[in-house]
Amino acid sequence: MLIYKIFRADEWAALQAEGETLGAPIDLADGYIHFSSADQAAETAAKHFAGAEGLWLIACDADALGAELKWEVSRGAALFPHLYRPMKMTDVLWSKPLPLVDGTHQFPEDTE
């Protein structure tokens, strides 16, 4: 199962340059890296990245992240994936731009 992380361009560039990250400021504050399932990603973008341009959608294999990935109750009592270790470039299956068109982020068609 794929899960997704949305990064701002500078956060994505830092992960590529450094090889790992503890995430965005909200991730650092919460003590884990926030991910979303395919069903949750668009709502995450709308809620936390409204109007933001230059975003990247990063896909990771949930099973490959190991025991440090926990599914925990969050928004709307839904289970969200949270990673309790640094995210590494080797965790990334693919990355794609997440363009903003008429105020809505356009997700790739192959987001499962």
Protein backbone atom coordinates (compact mmCIF):
# COMPACT_ATOMS: atom_id res chain seq x y z
CA MET A 1 0.00 0.00 0.00
CA LEU A 2 1.29 3.43 -0.93
CA ILE A 3 1.14 6.32 1.50
CA TYR A 4 1.92 9.94 0.70
CA LYS A 5 3.83 12.87 2.12
CA ILE A 6 3.31 16.40 0.85
CA PHE A 7 6.40 18.58 0.94
CA ARG A 8 7.04 22.20 0.08
CA ALA A 9 9.75 22.59 -2.56
CA ASP A 10 12.43 23.55 -0.03
CA GLU A 11 11.59 20.58 2.22
CA TRP A 12 11.77 18.20 -0.75
CA ALA A 13 15.08 19.73 -1.88
CA ALA A 14 16.50 19.32 1.63
CA LEU A 15 15.53 15.63 1.74
CA GLN A 16 17.19 15.05 -1.62
CA ALA A 17 20.34 16.91 -0.58
CA GLU A 18 20.69 15.43 2.91
CA GLY A 19 19.32 11.94 2.26
CA GLU A 20 16.93 12.04 5.22
CA THR A 21 14.61 14.38 7.08
CA LEU A 22 12.67 14.68 10.31
CA GLY A 23 9.97 16.39 8.26
CA ALA A 24 8.27 19.73 8.09
CA PRO A 25 7.85 22.07 11.09
CA ILE A 26 4.56 20.37 12.08
CA ASP A 27 6.30 16.98 12.02
CA LEU A 28 9.08 18.29 14.27
CA ALA A 29 6.51 19.77 16.67
CA ASP A 30 4.48 16.54 16.83
CA GLY A 31 7.46 14.17 17.04
CA TYR A 32 6.62 12.09 13.97
CA ILE A 33 6.29 12.48 10.21
CA HIS A 34 2.71 12.87 9.00
CA PHE A 35 1.65 10.79 6.00
CA SER A 36 -1.73 10.32 4.33
CA SER A 37 -3.38 7.40 2.58
CA ALA A 38 -4.59 7.94 -0.99
CA ASP A 39 -8.09 8.66 0.34
CA GLN A 40 -6.77 11.25 2.78
CA ALA A 41 -4.18 13.11 0.67
CA ALA A 42 -6.47 15.58 -1.10
CA GLU A 43 -8.12 16.61 2.18
CA THR A 44 -4.67 16.99 3.76
CA ALA A 45 -3.61 19.26 0.90
CA ALA A 46 -6.77 21.35 1.19
CA LYS A 47 -6.57 21.65 4.98
CA HIS A 48 -2.85 22.20 5.53
CA PHE A 49 -1.59 23.53 2.19
CA ALA A 50 -4.51 25.66 0.90
CA GLY A 51 -3.26 28.01 -1.80
CA ALA A 52 0.34 26.78 -1.57
CA GLU A 53 2.25 26.45 -4.80
CA GLY A 54 5.40 24.46 -5.49
CA LEU A 55 4.32 21.36 -3.58
CA TRP A 56 5.56 17.83 -4.16
CA LEU A 57 3.72 14.56 -3.59
CA ILE A 58 6.04 11.83 -2.34
CA ALA A 59 4.96 8.16 -2.40
CA CYS A 60 6.30 5.51 -0.02
CA ASP A 61 5.47 1.84 0.50
CA ALA A 62 3.82 1.61 3.93
CA ASP A 63 5.03 -1.95 4.53
CA ALA A 64 8.64 -1.07 3.68
CA LEU A 65 8.71 1.66 6.36
CA GLY A 66 8.70 -1.03 9.02
CA ALA A 67 7.53 -1.07 12.61
CA GLU A 68 8.20 2.66 13.07
CA LEU A 69 5.11 3.39 10.96
CA LYS A 70 2.04 3.57 13.20
CA TRP A 71 -1.58 4.04 12.13
CA GLU A 72 -3.10 6.40 14.68
CA VAL A 73 -6.44 8.13 15.14
CA SER A 74 -6.38 11.70 13.92
CA ARG A 75 -8.68 13.99 11.93
CA GLY A 76 -12.29 12.81 11.93
CA ALA A 77 -11.40 9.70 13.95
CA ALA A 78 -9.66 8.26 10.87
CA LEU A 79 -6.42 6.28 11.11
CA PHE A 80 -3.47 8.19 9.67
CA PRO A 81 0.05 6.85 9.06
CA HIS A 82 2.73 8.43 11.27
CA LEU A 83 6.42 7.62 10.90
CA TYR A 84 8.47 7.62 14.11
CA ARG A 85 11.92 7.77 12.53
CA PRO A 86 13.67 9.95 9.97
CA MET A 87 12.31 9.63 6.43
CA LYS A 88 15.07 8.60 4.04
CA MET A 89 15.47 9.08 0.30
CA THR A 90 15.60 5.30 0.07
CA ASP A 91 11.99 5.27 1.38
CA VAL A 92 10.79 7.29 -1.63
CA LEU A 93 9.23 5.29 -4.47
CA TRP A 94 8.40 8.34 -6.57
CA SER A 95 7.84 12.06 -6.41
CA LYS A 96 5.60 14.24 -8.56
CA PRO A 97 4.72 17.91 -8.60
CA LEU A 98 1.39 18.79 -7.01
CA PRO A 99 0.24 21.77 -9.09
CA LEU A 100 -2.35 24.25 -7.90
CA VAL A 101 -5.04 24.80 -10.55
CA ASP A 102 -7.90 27.20 -9.84
CA GLY A 103 -7.25 26.90 -6.11
CA THR A 104 -7.21 23.08 -5.99
CA HIS A 105 -4.17 20.80 -5.94
CA GLN A 106 -4.19 18.39 -8.85
CA PHE A 107 -3.19 14.89 -7.80
CA PRO A 108 -1.65 12.44 -10.29
CA GLU A 109 -4.11 9.97 -11.78
CA ASP A 110 -2.02 7.03 -10.57
CA THR A 111 -2.42 7.98 -6.90
CA GLU A 112 -3.91 4.76 -5.52
